[in-house]
Protein backbone atom coordinates (compact mmCIF):
# COMPACT_ATOMS: atom_id res chain seq x y z
CA MET A 1 17.16 4.79 2.74
CA ASN A 2 14.89 6.42 4.96
CA LYS A 3 14.42 3.89 7.89
CA GLY A 4 12.13 4.07 10.96
CA LYS A 5 11.03 2.16 13.87
CA LEU A 6 7.79 0.57 14.59
CA VAL A 7 6.14 2.04 18.03
CA GLN A 8 2.63 0.90 18.03
CA VAL A 9 1.02 -2.11 16.31
CA ILE A 10 -3.07 -1.73 16.93
CA GLY A 11 -5.09 -4.56 14.66
CA PRO A 12 -3.66 -3.46 10.81
CA VAL A 13 -3.27 0.18 12.08
CA ILE A 14 0.51 0.86 13.05
CA ASP A 15 2.60 3.72 13.45
CA VAL A 16 6.11 3.59 13.17
CA ARG A 17 8.68 6.80 14.64
CA PHE A 18 10.90 8.31 11.66
CA GLU A 19 14.30 10.06 12.59
CA ASN A 20 14.73 11.97 9.71
CA GLU A 21 12.24 12.60 7.03
CA LEU A 22 8.90 11.55 7.06
CA PRO A 23 7.51 9.35 4.64
CA ASP A 24 4.70 11.39 1.92
CA ILE A 25 1.61 10.52 2.57
CA TYR A 26 0.35 7.24 0.58
CA ASN A 27 4.23 6.04 0.91
CA ALA A 28 4.93 2.17 0.82
CA LEU A 29 6.62 1.11 4.12
CA GLU A 30 8.08 -2.58 4.35
CA ILE A 31 8.92 -4.79 7.51
CA HIS A 32 10.72 -7.78 6.94
CA THR A 33 10.16 -10.46 9.54
CA LYS A 34 11.05 -13.69 10.08
CA SER A 35 7.92 -14.87 7.82
CA GLY A 36 7.60 -12.53 5.46
CA LYS A 37 7.53 -9.15 4.35
CA LEU A 38 4.07 -6.97 5.25
CA VAL A 39 3.71 -3.61 3.38
CA ALA A 40 1.50 -0.44 4.93
CA GLU A 41 0.42 2.56 3.64
CA VAL A 42 1.21 6.13 4.87
CA HIS A 43 -2.07 7.47 6.12
CA SER A 44 -1.25 10.37 8.22
CA HIS A 45 1.31 12.48 9.99
CA ASN A 46 0.79 12.43 13.60
CA GLY A 47 3.38 14.62 15.00
CA ASN A 48 6.47 13.56 16.90
CA ASN A 49 7.80 12.49 13.87
CA VAL A 50 5.18 9.82 13.83
CA VAL A 51 3.51 8.44 10.66
CA ARG A 52 0.18 5.95 10.36
CA ALA A 53 0.04 3.12 8.63
CA VAL A 54 -2.21 0.55 7.78
CA ALA A 55 -0.84 -2.82 6.79
CA MET A 56 -2.04 -4.82 3.80
CA SER A 57 -1.76 -7.94 5.65
CA GLY A 58 -1.93 -9.49 8.83
CA THR A 59 0.29 -8.22 11.83
CA ASP A 60 0.41 -11.14 13.95
CA GLY A 61 3.55 -11.23 15.33
CA LEU A 62 4.60 -7.61 14.67
CA ARG A 63 7.03 -5.60 17.91
CA ARG A 64 8.02 -2.78 18.87
CA GLY A 65 11.14 -1.97 17.68
CA LEU A 66 10.83 -3.51 14.58
CA GLU A 67 12.94 -1.70 11.49
CA VAL A 68 10.40 -0.22 8.97
CA ILE A 69 11.63 0.77 5.44
CA ASP A 70 10.17 4.11 3.32
CA THR A 71 9.99 2.63 -0.06
CA GLY A 72 9.86 6.33 -1.13
CA LYS A 73 6.22 5.36 -3.35
CA PRO A 74 3.08 4.57 -3.11
CA ILE A 75 2.35 1.01 -3.34
CA GLN A 76 3.04 -0.72 -6.60
CA VAL A 77 0.88 -3.90 -8.48
CA PRO A 78 2.80 -5.23 -11.26
CA VAL A 79 -0.18 -5.85 -13.88
CA GLY A 80 0.49 -8.34 -16.87
CA ARG A 81 -1.31 -9.10 -20.65
CA ASP A 82 -4.05 -10.59 -19.12
CA THR A 83 -5.26 -8.80 -16.13
CA TRP A 84 -4.98 -5.42 -18.29
CA GLU A 85 -7.38 -7.13 -21.28
CA GLU A 86 -9.44 -7.59 -18.12
CA TYR A 87 -9.30 -4.61 -17.10
CA SER A 88 -9.82 -3.01 -20.85
CA MET A 89 -12.75 -5.21 -21.72
CA PHE A 90 -14.19 -4.57 -17.72
CA TRP A 91 -14.17 -0.83 -19.35
CA GLU A 92 -15.18 -1.03 -22.79
CA LYS A 93 -18.84 -2.73 -21.38
CA GLN A 94 -19.28 -0.07 -18.63
CA LEU A 95 -18.68 2.50 -21.92
CA MET A 96 -21.15 0.20 -23.76
CA MET A 97 -23.76 0.38 -21.43
CA GLU A 98 -23.61 3.59 -20.36
CA ASN A 99 -23.88 5.43 -24.05
CA HIS A 100 -26.55 2.45 -25.02
CA LEU A 101 -24.06 1.27 -27.65
CA THR A 102 -24.13 -2.12 -29.03
CA MET A 103 -21.15 -4.66 -30.56
CA LYS A 104 -21.14 -5.71 -33.72
CA VAL A 105 -18.71 -8.97 -34.74
CA PHE A 106 -17.27 -8.90 -38.50
């Protein structure tokens, strides 16, 4: 597991130094604090083994030196049946509107 240290916090933007391997762009980073887990997404490699990432929640309470874990994969969101049905209905409606189609109920 690739681990780094938090070196700078500027609002929702964080800089993290990794000693070994830099995480890929769009990888999810995790920071475990007393108030829970913060997830950030890598957006750039800044040189000197530092990556810049954007936090997905508030950065209040973060401090330099906290351990940061590279998950090795992009941010993932679980999708249940209800969410998938909403997503499918949205795109079906969009396609019908673009193609001037109507739906018939039998």
